[in-house]
Amino acid sequence: MGKIVQRNWLLIITGLLVMSSFAVLFFTLDERSNANRCTYGGIVYKKGDLVKNYRANDNCYCNGSDKIQCENGDDFSISYSTFSTEKLSFSYMYQNYLEVNEPDYTRVLSEDVNHNEDSLEIVLERETLCGENNLAPSQVGFYEFRDNSLILTTMTNRDTNLYSMPCMISNSFVIEG
C-alpha cells in the first residue's frame, strides 16, 4: 500500500512539473511574439504604450501585433497658418522605392543649398509613401521666417488607397527675393 501512495505522489509531482514547464514555455513564446508589441522607427513599443510622432500625430498607441491606433486621425500637430507660399516655387519628384515596410517620416536629408542675389534654393530628400509607376504623392510646400531661422514644411497627400509603397522623394524650395 505504501508503494502505491509513493507512486501517486511521483505522478502528481511529475504532472505539476510538466504543466509548469508548458506554462513557462507559453509565457516565453507569448512575450517574444509580436502579439503584445509594435515596432515604429526602430523602437519597440509594448501594447498600450504611446507612440510619439506616428504619422505626425501625437495621440497614437500600440495595439499589439504591429498595429498602431490613433485616437484622432485628423489631429495633426502642425499648424500651417503662419506659413507662406508667397514668392515660393515648390516642386517635388519621385527618386526611388525603398525596401522597408514603413517610411521614416522623420528622416529628412539636405541634398543641395544654393544662394544667389535673387533667390535661395533648398533641395531636400525624404521618405514617404508613393503610388505605382513612380507616382510621388501630391504636395504643397510652405516656408516661414521665424527669428533668424527659415522653416520649411510640406503638406503631403497620405491617402493609402493611392499611395502605399515606401519611397524616397525630393522637394525643391526656391524662394525669390
C-alpha atoms as a PDB file:
ATOM      1  CA  MET A   1       0.000   0.000   0.000  1.00  0.00           C
ATOM      2  CA  GLY A   2       2.858   2.374   0.805  1.00  0.00           C
ATOM      3  CA  LYS A   3       4.393   1.949  -2.654  1.00  0.00           C
ATOM      4  CA  ILE A   4       1.124   2.878  -4.395  1.00  0.00           C
ATOM      5  CA  VAL A   5       0.894   6.117  -2.399  1.00  0.00           C
ATOM      6  CA  GLN A   6       4.509   6.935  -3.270  1.00  0.00           C
ATOM      7  CA  ARG A   7       3.827   6.263  -6.974  1.00  0.00           C
ATOM      8  CA  ASN A   8       0.781   8.557  -6.875  1.00  0.00           C
ATOM      9  CA  TRP A   9       2.846  11.375  -5.345  1.00  0.00           C
ATOM     10  CA  LEU A  10       5.521  10.888  -8.001  1.00  0.00           C
ATOM     11  CA  LEU A  11       2.889  11.049 -10.744  1.00  0.00           C
ATOM     12  CA  ILE A  12       1.367  14.196  -9.235  1.00  0.00           C
ATOM     13  CA  ILE A  13       4.772  15.903  -8.890  1.00  0.00           C
ATOM     14  CA  THR A  14       5.757  14.879 -12.443  1.00  0.00           C
ATOM     15  CA  GLY A  15       2.440  16.173 -13.790  1.00  0.00           C
ATOM     16  CA  LEU A  16       2.874  19.509 -11.989  1.00  0.00           C
ATOM     17  CA  LEU A  17       6.423  19.878 -13.339  1.00  0.00           C
ATOM     18  CA  VAL A  18       5.283  19.153 -16.910  1.00  0.00           C
ATOM     19  CA  MET A  19       2.373  21.630 -16.628  1.00  0.00           C
ATOM     20  CA  SER A  20       4.613  24.347 -15.157  1.00  0.00           C
ATOM     21  CA  SER A  21       7.146  23.763 -17.960  1.00  0.00           C
ATOM     22  CA  PHE A  22       4.389  24.246 -20.544  1.00  0.00           C
ATOM     23  CA  ALA A  23       3.215  27.403 -18.756  1.00  0.00           C
ATOM     24  CA  VAL A  24       6.744  28.869 -18.766  1.00  0.00           C
ATOM     25  CA  LEU A  25       7.145  27.941 -22.451  1.00  0.00           C
ATOM     26  CA  PHE A  26       3.794  29.554 -23.315  1.00  0.00           C
ATOM     27  CA  PHE A  27       4.589  32.821 -21.497  1.00  0.00           C
ATOM     28  CA  THR A  28       8.058  32.978 -23.072  1.00  0.00           C
ATOM     29  CA  LEU A  29       6.679  32.470 -26.584  1.00  0.00           C
ATOM     30  CA  ASP A  30       3.885  34.978 -25.945  1.00  0.00           C
ATOM     31  CA  GLU A  31       6.380  37.587 -24.734  1.00  0.00           C
ATOM     32  CA  ARG A  32       8.627  37.097 -27.771  1.00  0.00           C
ATOM     33  CA  SER A  33       5.799  37.220 -30.303  1.00  0.00           C
ATOM     34  CA  ASN A  34       4.513  40.435 -31.901  1.00  0.00           C
ATOM     35  CA  ALA A  35       1.095  39.949 -30.281  1.00  0.00           C
ATOM     36  CA  ASN A  36       1.850  42.429 -27.490  1.00  0.00           C
ATOM     37  CA  ARG A  37       4.185  44.890 -29.181  1.00  0.00           C
ATOM     38  CA  CYS A  38       4.666  47.271 -32.100  1.00  0.00           C
ATOM     39  CA  THR A  39       7.757  48.495 -33.897  1.00  0.00           C
ATOM     40  CA  TYR A  40       7.962  52.005 -35.359  1.00  0.00           C
ATOM     41  CA  GLY A  41      11.062  53.966 -36.290  1.00  0.00           C
ATOM     42  CA  GLY A  42      13.323  51.217 -34.949  1.00  0.00           C
ATOM     43  CA  ILE A  43      11.752  51.439 -31.472  1.00  0.00           C
ATOM     44  CA  VAL A  44       9.798  48.554 -29.932  1.00  0.00           C
ATOM     45  CA  TYR A  45       6.664  49.601 -28.003  1.00  0.00           C
ATOM     46  CA  LYS A  46       4.639  47.408 -25.647  1.00  0.00           C
ATOM     47  CA  LYS A  47       0.876  47.123 -26.015  1.00  0.00           C
ATOM     48  CA  GLY A  48      -0.726  50.299 -24.641  1.00  0.00           C
ATOM     49  CA  ASP A  49       2.418  52.460 -24.974  1.00  0.00           C
ATOM     50  CA  LEU A  50       2.217  55.937 -26.533  1.00  0.00           C
ATOM     51  CA  VAL A  51       3.891  56.044 -29.975  1.00  0.00           C
ATOM     52  CA  LYS A  52       5.249  59.563 -30.446  1.00  0.00           C
ATOM     53  CA  ASN A  53       5.233  61.303 -33.847  1.00  0.00           C
ATOM     54  CA  TYR A  54       3.462  58.447 -35.634  1.00  0.00           C
ATOM     55  CA  ARG A  55       2.453  59.965 -38.993  1.00  0.00           C
ATOM     56  CA  ALA A  56       2.660  63.471 -37.450  1.00  0.00           C
ATOM     57  CA  ASN A  57       0.093  62.515 -34.805  1.00  0.00           C
ATOM     58  CA  ASP A  58       0.809  62.657 -31.063  1.00  0.00           C
ATOM     59  CA  ASN A  59      -2.146  60.581 -29.791  1.00  0.00           C
ATOM     60  CA  CYS A  60      -1.282  57.116 -31.100  1.00  0.00           C
ATOM     61  CA  TYR A  61      -0.965  53.913 -29.087  1.00  0.00           C
ATOM     62  CA  CYS A  62       0.361  50.412 -29.721  1.00  0.00           C
ATOM     63  CA  ASN A  63      -2.446  47.854 -30.029  1.00  0.00           C
ATOM     64  CA  GLY A  64      -0.106  44.893 -30.407  1.00  0.00           C
ATOM     65  CA  SER A  65       0.566  42.764 -33.493  1.00  0.00           C
ATOM     66  CA  ASP A  66       2.438  45.753 -35.007  1.00  0.00           C
ATOM     67  CA  LYS A  67      -0.805  47.765 -35.195  1.00  0.00           C
ATOM     68  CA  ILE A  68      -0.796  51.397 -34.076  1.00  0.00           C
ATOM     69  CA  GLN A  69      -4.098  53.160 -33.455  1.00  0.00           C
ATOM     70  CA  CYS A  70      -4.520  56.920 -33.288  1.00  0.00           C
ATOM     71  CA  GLU A  71      -7.264  58.484 -31.160  1.00  0.00           C
ATOM     72  CA  ASN A  72      -7.994  61.182 -33.726  1.00  0.00           C
ATOM     73  CA  GLY A  73      -6.649  60.626 -37.234  1.00  0.00           C
ATOM     74  CA  ASP A  74      -7.147  64.289 -38.110  1.00  0.00           C
ATOM     75  CA  ASP A  75      -5.301  65.663 -35.066  1.00  0.00           C
ATOM     76  CA  PHE A  76      -2.059  66.835 -36.652  1.00  0.00           C
ATOM     77  CA  SER A  77       0.394  68.817 -34.572  1.00  0.00           C
ATOM     78  CA  ILE A  78       1.432  71.226 -37.347  1.00  0.00           C
ATOM     79  CA  SER A  79      -0.467  74.452 -37.930  1.00  0.00           C
ATOM     80  CA  TYR A  80       0.068  75.973 -41.366  1.00  0.00           C
ATOM     81  CA  SER A  81      -1.500  79.342 -40.505  1.00  0.00           C
ATOM     82  CA  THR A  82       1.844  81.138 -40.044  1.00  0.00           C
ATOM     83  CA  PHE A  83       3.478  79.650 -43.153  1.00  0.00           C
ATOM     84  CA  SER A  84       3.554  81.299 -46.570  1.00  0.00           C
ATOM     85  CA  THR A  85       3.807  80.407 -50.260  1.00  0.00           C
ATOM     86  CA  GLU A  86       4.500  83.989 -51.350  1.00  0.00           C
ATOM     87  CA  LYS A  87       7.474  84.161 -53.776  1.00  0.00           C
ATOM     88  CA  LEU A  88       7.944  80.391 -53.394  1.00  0.00           C
ATOM     89  CA  SER A  89       8.426  77.978 -56.273  1.00  0.00           C
ATOM     90  CA  PHE A  90       7.934  74.464 -54.934  1.00  0.00           C
ATOM     91  CA  SER A  91       8.409  71.216 -56.836  1.00  0.00           C
ATOM     92  CA  TYR A  92       8.641  67.551 -55.919  1.00  0.00           C
ATOM     93  CA  MET A  93       9.923  64.455 -57.684  1.00  0.00           C
ATOM     94  CA  TYR A  94       9.984  60.691 -57.156  1.00  0.00           C
ATOM     95  CA  GLN A  95      13.518  59.323 -56.553  1.00  0.00           C
ATOM     96  CA  ASN A  96      13.216  55.572 -55.875  1.00  0.00           C
ATOM     97  CA  TYR A  97      11.256  52.932 -53.994  1.00  0.00           C
ATOM     98  CA  LEU A  98      12.558  51.730 -50.617  1.00  0.00           C
ATOM     99  CA  GLU A  99      12.758  48.169 -49.344  1.00  0.00           C
ATOM    100  CA  VAL A 100      11.133  48.897 -45.961  1.00  0.00           C
ATOM    101  CA  ASN A 101       7.649  48.275 -44.552  1.00  0.00           C
ATOM    102  CA  GLU A 102       7.007  51.867 -43.435  1.00  0.00           C
ATOM    103  CA  PRO A 103       8.733  55.115 -44.383  1.00  0.00           C
ATOM    104  CA  ASP A 104      10.596  57.016 -41.679  1.00  0.00           C
ATOM    105  CA  TYR A 105       8.775  60.349 -41.822  1.00  0.00           C
ATOM    106  CA  THR A 106      11.351  61.941 -39.521  1.00  0.00           C
ATOM    107  CA  ARG A 107      14.255  61.256 -41.900  1.00  0.00           C
ATOM    108  CA  VAL A 108      14.959  64.368 -43.998  1.00  0.00           C
ATOM    109  CA  LEU A 109      18.253  64.801 -45.850  1.00  0.00           C
ATOM    110  CA  SER A 110      19.642  68.093 -47.100  1.00  0.00           C
ATOM    111  CA  GLU A 111      20.600  67.442 -50.721  1.00  0.00           C
ATOM    112  CA  ASP A 112      21.571  70.902 -52.014  1.00  0.00           C
ATOM    113  CA  VAL A 113      21.502  74.575 -50.989  1.00  0.00           C
ATOM    114  CA  ASN A 114      22.153  77.425 -53.449  1.00  0.00           C
ATOM    115  CA  HIS A 115      22.025  81.137 -52.752  1.00  0.00           C
ATOM    116  CA  ASN A 116      22.487  83.994 -55.192  1.00  0.00           C
ATOM    117  CA  GLU A 117      21.435  87.639 -55.308  1.00  0.00           C
ATOM    118  CA  ASP A 118      17.849  86.896 -56.309  1.00  0.00           C
ATOM    119  CA  SER A 119      16.926  83.577 -54.729  1.00  0.00           C
ATOM    120  CA  LEU A 120      17.547  80.828 -52.221  1.00  0.00           C
ATOM    121  CA  GLU A 121      17.147  77.221 -53.402  1.00  0.00           C
ATOM    122  CA  ILE A 122      16.973  74.301 -50.974  1.00  0.00           C
ATOM    123  CA  VAL A 123      16.583  70.681 -52.098  1.00  0.00           C
ATOM    124  CA  LEU A 124      15.616  68.057 -49.515  1.00  0.00           C
ATOM    125  CA  GLU A 125      15.166  64.293 -49.780  1.00  0.00           C
ATOM    126  CA  ARG A 126      12.719  62.467 -47.539  1.00  0.00           C
ATOM    127  CA  GLU A 127      10.822  59.216 -47.165  1.00  0.00           C
ATOM    128  CA  THR A 128       7.090  58.948 -47.782  1.00  0.00           C
ATOM    129  CA  LEU A 129       4.530  56.701 -49.487  1.00  0.00           C
ATOM    130  CA  CYS A 130       4.312  56.720 -53.301  1.00  0.00           C
ATOM    131  CA  GLY A 131       1.936  55.176 -55.789  1.00  0.00           C
ATOM    132  CA  GLU A 132       2.551  52.715 -58.574  1.00  0.00           C
ATOM    133  CA  ASN A 133       4.551  53.693 -61.668  1.00  0.00           C
ATOM    134  CA  ASN A 134       6.855  56.073 -59.746  1.00  0.00           C
ATOM    135  CA  LEU A 135       3.981  58.339 -58.704  1.00  0.00           C
ATOM    136  CA  ALA A 136       5.017  60.801 -55.985  1.00  0.00           C
ATOM    137  CA  PRO A 137       2.190  61.953 -53.694  1.00  0.00           C
ATOM    138  CA  SER A 138       0.609  65.353 -54.299  1.00  0.00           C
ATOM    139  CA  GLN A 139       2.316  68.002 -52.161  1.00  0.00           C
ATOM    140  CA  VAL A 140       2.321  71.703 -51.364  1.00  0.00           C
ATOM    141  CA  GLY A 141       5.367  73.480 -49.922  1.00  0.00           C
ATOM    142  CA  PHE A 142       5.382  76.294 -47.359  1.00  0.00           C
ATOM    143  CA  TYR A 143       8.012  78.361 -45.589  1.00  0.00           C
ATOM    144  CA  GLU A 144       8.258  80.680 -42.621  1.00  0.00           C
ATOM    145  CA  PHE A 145      10.951  83.059 -41.400  1.00  0.00           C
ATOM    146  CA  ARG A 146      10.964  82.916 -37.606  1.00  0.00           C
ATOM    147  CA  ASP A 147      13.564  84.897 -35.653  1.00  0.00           C
ATOM    148  CA  ASN A 148      16.797  84.096 -37.528  1.00  0.00           C
ATOM    149  CA  SER A 149      15.554  80.771 -38.888  1.00  0.00           C
ATOM    150  CA  LEU A 150      13.933  79.511 -42.052  1.00  0.00           C
ATOM    151  CA  ILE A 151      11.372  76.756 -41.508  1.00  0.00           C
ATOM    152  CA  LEU A 152      10.324  74.618 -44.469  1.00  0.00           C
ATOM    153  CA  THR A 153       7.387  72.235 -44.444  1.00  0.00           C
ATOM    154  CA  THR A 154       5.130  70.368 -46.825  1.00  0.00           C
ATOM    155  CA  MET A 155       1.552  69.204 -46.802  1.00  0.00           C
ATOM    156  CA  THR A 156       1.571  65.750 -48.382  1.00  0.00           C
ATOM    157  CA  ASN A 157      -1.335  63.583 -49.508  1.00  0.00           C
ATOM    158  CA  ARG A 158      -1.214  60.406 -47.419  1.00  0.00           C
ATOM    159  CA  ASP A 159      -4.208  58.609 -48.899  1.00  0.00           C
ATOM    160  CA  THR A 160      -3.185  54.957 -48.534  1.00  0.00           C
ATOM    161  CA  ASN A 161      -5.600  53.967 -51.306  1.00  0.00           C
ATOM    162  CA  LEU A 162      -3.438  55.947 -53.757  1.00  0.00           C
ATOM    163  CA  TYR A 163      -0.021  55.837 -52.098  1.00  0.00           C
ATOM    164  CA  SER A 164       1.059  52.656 -50.363  1.00  0.00           C
ATOM    165  CA  MET A 165       4.682  51.956 -51.361  1.00  0.00           C
ATOM    166  CA  PRO A 166       7.561  53.439 -49.293  1.00  0.00           C
ATOM    167  CA  CYS A 167       9.787  55.644 -51.429  1.00  0.00           C
ATOM    168  CA  MET A 168      12.303  58.487 -51.431  1.00  0.00           C
ATOM    169  CA  ILE A 169      11.239  61.830 -52.924  1.00  0.00           C
ATOM    170  CA  SER A 170      12.959  65.172 -53.392  1.00  0.00           C
ATOM    171  CA  ASN A 171      11.431  68.541 -52.533  1.00  0.00           C
ATOM    172  CA  SER A 172      12.778  71.730 -54.080  1.00  0.00           C
ATOM    173  CA  PHE A 173      12.052  75.097 -52.435  1.00  0.00           C
ATOM    174  CA  VAL A 174      13.073  78.234 -54.382  1.00  0.00           C
ATOM    175  CA  ILE A 175      12.355  81.484 -52.535  1.00  0.00           C
ATOM    176  CA  GLU A 176      12.716  84.629 -54.643  1.00  0.00           C
ATOM    177  CA  GLY A 177      13.714  87.666 -53.032  1.00  0.00           C
END
